[in-house]
Structure formats: C-alpha cells, structure tokens
C-alpha cells in the first residue's frame, strides 16, 4: 500500500478504538492529521479562554514546516502504537 492508503486506513482504524487515547495522544493525532491534510497552521491563535482550541492550535503550530509525507508517516506510526493500547 502507498503512504496515502496507509494514512486513510489509519484514519478509519483510529475511529474504532475501544477507548479514547490520552489528551496528549489526541493532540498529537490531531496535529499530525492537520499538518498532513492542510499544511502549516493558519488563522489566528484562539483566545486564552478557549482552552481546547488553543491547545489544538498550539499542537498544530508545533508541526510547522513538517512535510505532508512526514506528517502522514508519523500519523501512521502513532496509530500503530496506539492500536495495541486502546484497540
């Protein structure tokens, strides 16, 4: 399978986890997914009281400059690590 196929497959598999991953793992998944699909973060940073939005923005921003292929590969690797723990 190609990297794109692996990425699509892991997106489906992560939605079928029996338990939700920890918050830091969810942020990592989110940021890698966004970097792989949308590229570098865009838009203003959410206001201080939007804790969830700000955390997501900051996690994605930390991936700035990561290529689409590298983000996809890291996402696939992370999902493969999470499947035995939460599958």
Protein backbone atom coordinates (compact mmCIF):
# COMPACT_ATOMS: atom_id res chain seq x y z
CA UNK A 1 0.00 0.00 0.00
CA UNK A 2 1.05 3.57 -0.57
CA UNK A 3 1.60 6.05 2.24
CA UNK A 4 -1.64 7.78 1.30
CA UNK A 5 -3.52 4.47 1.53
CA UNK A 6 -1.91 3.69 4.90
CA UNK A 7 -2.88 7.16 6.15
CA UNK A 8 -6.50 6.70 5.04
CA UNK A 9 -6.61 3.24 6.60
CA UNK A 10 -5.30 4.51 9.95
CA UNK A 11 -7.87 7.33 9.98
CA UNK A 12 -10.60 4.69 9.87
CA UNK A 13 -8.90 2.45 12.40
CA UNK A 14 -8.33 5.20 14.98
CA UNK A 15 -12.08 5.91 14.98
CA UNK A 16 -12.71 2.31 16.02
CA UNK A 17 -10.56 2.30 19.15
CA UNK A 18 -12.33 0.77 22.14
CA UNK A 19 -11.10 3.54 24.48
CA UNK A 20 -10.12 7.12 23.84
CA UNK A 21 -6.39 7.85 23.91
CA UNK A 22 -4.93 10.30 26.45
CA UNK A 23 -5.28 14.01 25.77
CA UNK A 24 -1.66 14.40 24.68
CA UNK A 25 -2.04 11.50 22.25
CA UNK A 26 -5.22 13.01 20.83
CA UNK A 27 -3.44 16.33 20.32
CA UNK A 28 -0.61 14.53 18.54
CA UNK A 29 -3.09 12.74 16.26
CA UNK A 30 -4.91 15.99 15.56
CA UNK A 31 -1.78 17.98 14.80
CA UNK A 32 -0.32 15.31 12.51
CA UNK A 33 -3.63 14.92 10.68
CA UNK A 34 -3.97 18.67 10.16
CA UNK A 35 -0.36 19.03 9.02
CA UNK A 36 -0.79 16.14 6.58
CA UNK A 37 -4.06 17.41 5.14
CA UNK A 38 -3.88 21.22 5.42
CA UNK A 39 -0.18 22.04 5.76
CA UNK A 40 1.12 24.67 8.16
CA UNK A 41 -1.28 26.16 10.70
CA UNK A 42 -3.33 29.11 9.53
CA UNK A 43 -5.55 31.63 11.23
CA UNK A 44 -5.15 33.44 14.49
CA UNK A 45 -4.46 31.69 17.79
CA UNK A 46 -7.71 31.26 19.76
CA UNK A 47 -8.31 33.45 22.78
CA UNK A 48 -6.95 32.46 26.18
CA UNK A 49 -10.30 31.17 27.48
CA UNK A 50 -10.70 28.78 24.55
CA UNK A 51 -8.51 26.15 26.18
CA UNK A 52 -9.30 23.32 23.76
CA UNK A 53 -9.00 25.46 20.65
CA UNK A 54 -5.76 26.98 21.86
CA UNK A 55 -4.25 23.58 22.70
CA UNK A 56 -5.17 22.26 19.25
CA UNK A 57 -3.77 25.35 17.53
CA UNK A 58 -0.53 25.17 19.52
CA UNK A 59 -0.09 21.44 18.81
CA UNK A 60 -0.61 22.02 15.09
CA UNK A 61 1.65 25.07 15.11
CA UNK A 62 4.44 22.96 16.63
CA UNK A 63 4.39 20.87 13.42
CA UNK A 64 5.09 23.93 11.22
CA UNK A 65 7.46 23.03 8.40
CA UNK A 66 6.80 19.28 8.56
CA UNK A 67 6.18 17.92 5.08
CA UNK A 68 2.90 16.28 4.18
CA UNK A 69 4.62 12.91 3.70
CA UNK A 70 6.47 13.12 7.02
CA UNK A 71 3.25 14.06 8.84
CA UNK A 72 1.40 11.15 7.23
CA UNK A 73 4.16 8.71 8.13
CA UNK A 74 4.24 9.96 11.73
CA UNK A 75 0.44 9.68 11.96
CA UNK A 76 0.52 6.08 10.68
CA UNK A 77 3.28 5.22 13.16
CA UNK A 78 1.42 6.82 16.08
CA UNK A 79 -1.82 5.00 15.27
CA UNK A 80 0.10 1.72 15.03
CA UNK A 81 1.49 2.40 18.53
CA UNK A 82 -1.97 3.27 19.91
CA UNK A 83 -3.86 0.27 18.48
CA UNK A 84 -2.46 -2.29 20.95
CA UNK A 85 -3.03 0.08 23.89
CA UNK A 86 -6.57 1.18 23.10
CA UNK A 87 -7.79 -1.24 20.43
